[in-house]
Protein backbone atom coordinates (compact mmCIF):
# COMPACT_ATOMS: atom_id res chain seq x y z
CA MET A 1 54.16 -31.54 -10.59
CA ILE A 2 51.94 -28.46 -10.34
CA THR A 3 48.37 -28.29 -12.12
CA ARG A 4 46.05 -25.22 -12.46
CA ILE A 5 43.10 -25.41 -10.98
CA PRO A 6 40.23 -24.53 -12.45
CA LEU A 7 38.30 -21.08 -11.68
CA ALA A 8 35.20 -22.77 -10.65
CA LEU A 9 37.15 -24.81 -8.23
CA ALA A 10 39.04 -21.97 -6.99
CA ILE A 11 35.87 -20.29 -6.67
CA LEU A 12 34.52 -22.88 -4.63
CA LEU A 13 37.69 -23.07 -2.39
CA LEU A 14 37.73 -19.55 -1.78
CA ALA A 15 34.14 -19.06 -0.88
CA PRO A 16 33.45 -19.32 2.55
CA LEU A 17 36.17 -16.58 2.89
CA ALA A 18 33.87 -14.19 0.95
CA ALA A 19 31.58 -11.64 2.26
CA GLN A 20 28.11 -13.48 3.20
CA ALA A 21 25.69 -10.31 2.35
CA ALA A 22 25.69 -7.38 0.51
CA THR A 23 24.37 -4.04 2.08
CA ALA A 24 23.11 -1.23 -0.52
CA ARG A 25 22.05 2.46 -0.19
CA THR A 26 20.85 4.56 -2.66
CA THR A 27 18.68 7.95 -2.12
CA ASN A 28 16.31 10.36 -4.28
CA ARG A 29 15.12 13.59 -3.56
CA PHE A 30 12.36 15.42 -5.99
CA GLU A 31 9.37 17.61 -5.61
CA LEU A 32 5.35 17.36 -6.03
CA PRO A 33 3.08 19.88 -7.45
CA LEU A 34 1.03 19.83 -4.30
CA ALA A 35 0.89 21.61 -1.18
CA PHE A 36 2.58 19.62 1.66
CA SER A 37 -0.96 18.86 3.39
CA ASP A 38 -2.19 17.27 0.40
CA ALA A 39 0.74 15.24 -0.49
CA GLN A 40 0.83 13.83 3.02
CA GLN A 41 -2.77 13.05 2.73
CA TRP A 42 -2.39 11.43 -0.37
CA TYR A 43 0.73 9.57 0.31
CA GLU A 44 -1.11 8.23 3.38
CA ALA A 45 -4.32 7.50 1.65
CA ASN A 46 -1.54 5.56 -1.09
CA GLN A 47 1.00 4.08 0.63
CA SER A 48 0.61 0.06 0.03
CA GLY A 49 0.20 1.44 -3.99
CA VAL A 50 3.61 3.34 -3.60
CA MET A 51 5.26 0.03 -2.26
CA LYS A 52 3.88 -1.82 -5.06
CA ALA A 53 5.45 0.67 -7.26
CA SER A 54 8.38 -0.19 -5.36
CA ASN A 55 8.27 -3.89 -5.75
CA CYS A 56 7.00 -4.53 -2.16
CA ARG A 57 3.72 -5.79 -2.26
CA ILE A 58 1.63 -5.76 1.04
CA VAL A 59 0.56 -9.29 1.37
CA GLU A 60 -0.80 -9.00 5.08
CA LYS A 61 -1.34 -6.75 7.09
CA GLN A 62 -0.93 -7.92 10.74
CA GLU A 63 -2.93 -7.26 13.89
CA ASN A 64 -0.04 -5.41 16.06
CA GLY A 65 -0.05 -3.11 12.64
CA ASP A 66 3.28 -4.50 11.12
CA LEU A 67 3.24 -5.56 7.23
CA LEU A 68 4.11 -8.88 5.91
CA VAL A 69 5.49 -7.92 2.53
CA GLU A 70 6.90 -9.79 -0.55
CA THR A 71 9.67 -8.86 -3.18
CA LEU A 72 10.72 -9.92 -6.02
CA THR A 73 14.68 -10.01 -6.63
CA ARG A 74 16.90 -11.59 -8.73
CA LEU A 75 17.75 -14.50 -6.25
CA GLY A 76 13.86 -15.24 -6.35
CA THR A 77 11.16 -14.25 -3.54
CA CYS A 78 11.38 -12.81 -0.48
CA ARG A 79 9.10 -12.29 2.22
CA TYR A 80 9.54 -10.21 5.37
CA VAL A 81 7.90 -8.21 7.93
CA LEU A 82 8.02 -4.41 7.93
CA ARG A 83 6.70 -1.96 10.75
CA ARG A 84 5.58 0.98 9.80
CA SER A 85 6.11 4.45 12.05
CA ARG A 86 5.63 8.53 11.55
CA GLU A 87 7.27 11.48 12.82
CA GLU A 88 6.12 14.98 12.83
CA ARG A 89 8.94 17.47 12.92
CA THR A 90 10.25 20.61 12.06
CA THR A 91 13.20 21.72 9.79
CA GLN A 92 15.94 24.36 11.17
CA ASP A 93 14.24 26.80 8.83
CA GLY A 94 10.79 26.33 10.47
CA ARG A 95 9.02 24.01 7.89
CA ALA A 96 6.89 21.52 8.49
CA GLN A 97 8.23 18.03 7.79
CA THR A 98 6.66 14.37 7.88
CA VAL A 99 8.90 11.42 8.15
CA TYR A 100 7.67 8.01 7.06
CA VAL A 101 9.71 5.06 8.22
CA LEU A 102 9.29 1.04 7.28
CA GLU A 103 11.73 -0.77 9.34
CA TYR A 104 12.80 -4.24 8.67
CA VAL A 105 11.18 -6.52 11.55
CA ARG A 106 12.00 -10.33 10.70
CA ASN A 107 12.81 -12.44 7.68
CA VAL A 108 9.96 -14.97 6.52
CA SER A 109 11.08 -16.52 3.40
CA GLY A 110 14.17 -15.34 1.06
CA ARG A 111 17.41 -13.47 1.74
CA ILE A 112 17.02 -10.07 2.87
CA THR A 113 17.94 -9.48 6.22
CA ALA A 114 17.42 -5.97 6.85
CA GLN A 115 15.94 -3.31 5.37
CA LYS A 116 14.84 0.24 6.10
CA CYS A 117 13.06 2.85 3.78
CA VAL A 118 12.78 6.47 5.34
CA THR A 119 10.48 9.28 2.94
CA THR A 120 10.58 12.23 4.33
CA TYR A 121 7.95 15.27 2.87
CA THR A 122 9.02 18.74 3.86
CA ASP A 123 6.59 21.59 3.20
CA ALA A 124 8.12 23.88 0.28
CA GLY A 125 4.90 26.39 0.14
CA GLU A 126 2.95 25.49 -2.80
CA ARG A 127 5.20 22.43 -3.50
CA THR A 128 6.21 19.39 -1.24
CA GLU A 129 10.26 18.03 -1.23
CA VAL A 130 10.33 14.85 -0.97
CA HIS A 131 13.48 12.78 0.08
CA VAL A 132 13.58 8.87 0.16
CA GLU A 133 16.50 6.83 1.28
CA LEU A 134 16.33 3.35 0.80
CA THR A 135 18.80 0.94 2.65
CA ALA A 136 18.96 -2.97 2.19
CA THR A 137 21.22 -5.63 3.17
CA VAL A 138 20.99 -9.34 1.25
CA SER A 139 22.32 -12.21 2.86
CA GLY A 140 24.29 -15.19 0.49
CA ARG A 141 27.80 -15.81 -0.98
CA LEU A 142 29.05 -14.02 -3.35
CA ILE A 143 26.19 -11.28 -3.77
CA PRO A 144 27.50 -8.44 -4.94
CA ALA A 145 26.96 -5.17 -3.71
CA PHE A 146 26.57 -3.48 -6.94
CA ALA A 147 23.57 -5.73 -7.76
CA VAL A 148 21.62 -5.17 -4.62
CA ARG A 149 22.37 -1.18 -5.14
CA SER A 150 20.55 -1.77 -8.44
CA ASP A 151 17.80 -3.15 -7.19
CA LEU A 152 17.09 -0.98 -4.92
CA SER A 153 17.64 2.05 -7.53
CA ASN A 154 14.61 0.41 -9.71
CA SER A 155 12.72 0.06 -6.37
CA LEU A 156 12.98 3.80 -6.13
CA ALA A 157 12.61 4.76 -9.40
CA GLY A 158 9.06 2.83 -9.65
CA ALA A 159 7.95 4.78 -6.21
CA GLU A 160 9.22 8.21 -7.82
CA ARG A 161 7.38 7.57 -10.94
CA TYR A 162 3.79 6.75 -9.24
CA ILE A 163 3.83 9.25 -6.87
CA VAL A 164 5.05 11.79 -9.44
CA SER A 165 2.34 10.64 -11.78
CA ASN A 166 -0.41 10.76 -9.46
CA ALA A 167 0.42 13.92 -8.09
CA ARG A 168 0.74 15.39 -11.35
CA GLN A 169 -3.49 13.92 -11.54
CA LEU A 170 -4.53 15.43 -8.89
CA GLU A 171 -3.21 18.74 -9.87
CA ALA A 172 -4.89 18.55 -12.89
CA ASP A 173 -8.30 17.41 -11.34
CA PRO A 174 -7.88 18.03 -7.43
CA THR A 175 -10.89 15.71 -7.04
CA ALA A 176 -9.28 12.56 -8.22
CA GLU A 177 -7.76 9.83 -5.81
């Protein structure tokens, strides 16, 4: 006699065959109404605020310069260590560019197993072009990539709102910090 296997049981039986991690990548581009050097200085002075607005709170700055951070996800709180780096370069058409990288070093708790955020500021005369690329991998059974991508998109949107609103305030009142 053939019986139907309940859906929940079928999922449990097939779960070991399911993906063990989900990776997603999202990008965003926008312009700031600030000169390149002003935008650079502001970002460097306010990077922790940008990170917090993007759901990545700095818990501790470690002696070697790494950052212990905390992110809230649908699956709970994740703590992990990020390393910061900065690179100055020039575009093919000769414009100044600064690239800020936050790269995953190791997990402390939670399901994030890899992350990288690359923020590029490019001189555009009286304005500054910003390009942000965020990639993350979350481990665990049956983690849908669209959920990770959604969280990343929300993080980028929070960072953009924070950066743009503060840039507009600085444009209106250059003495404000």
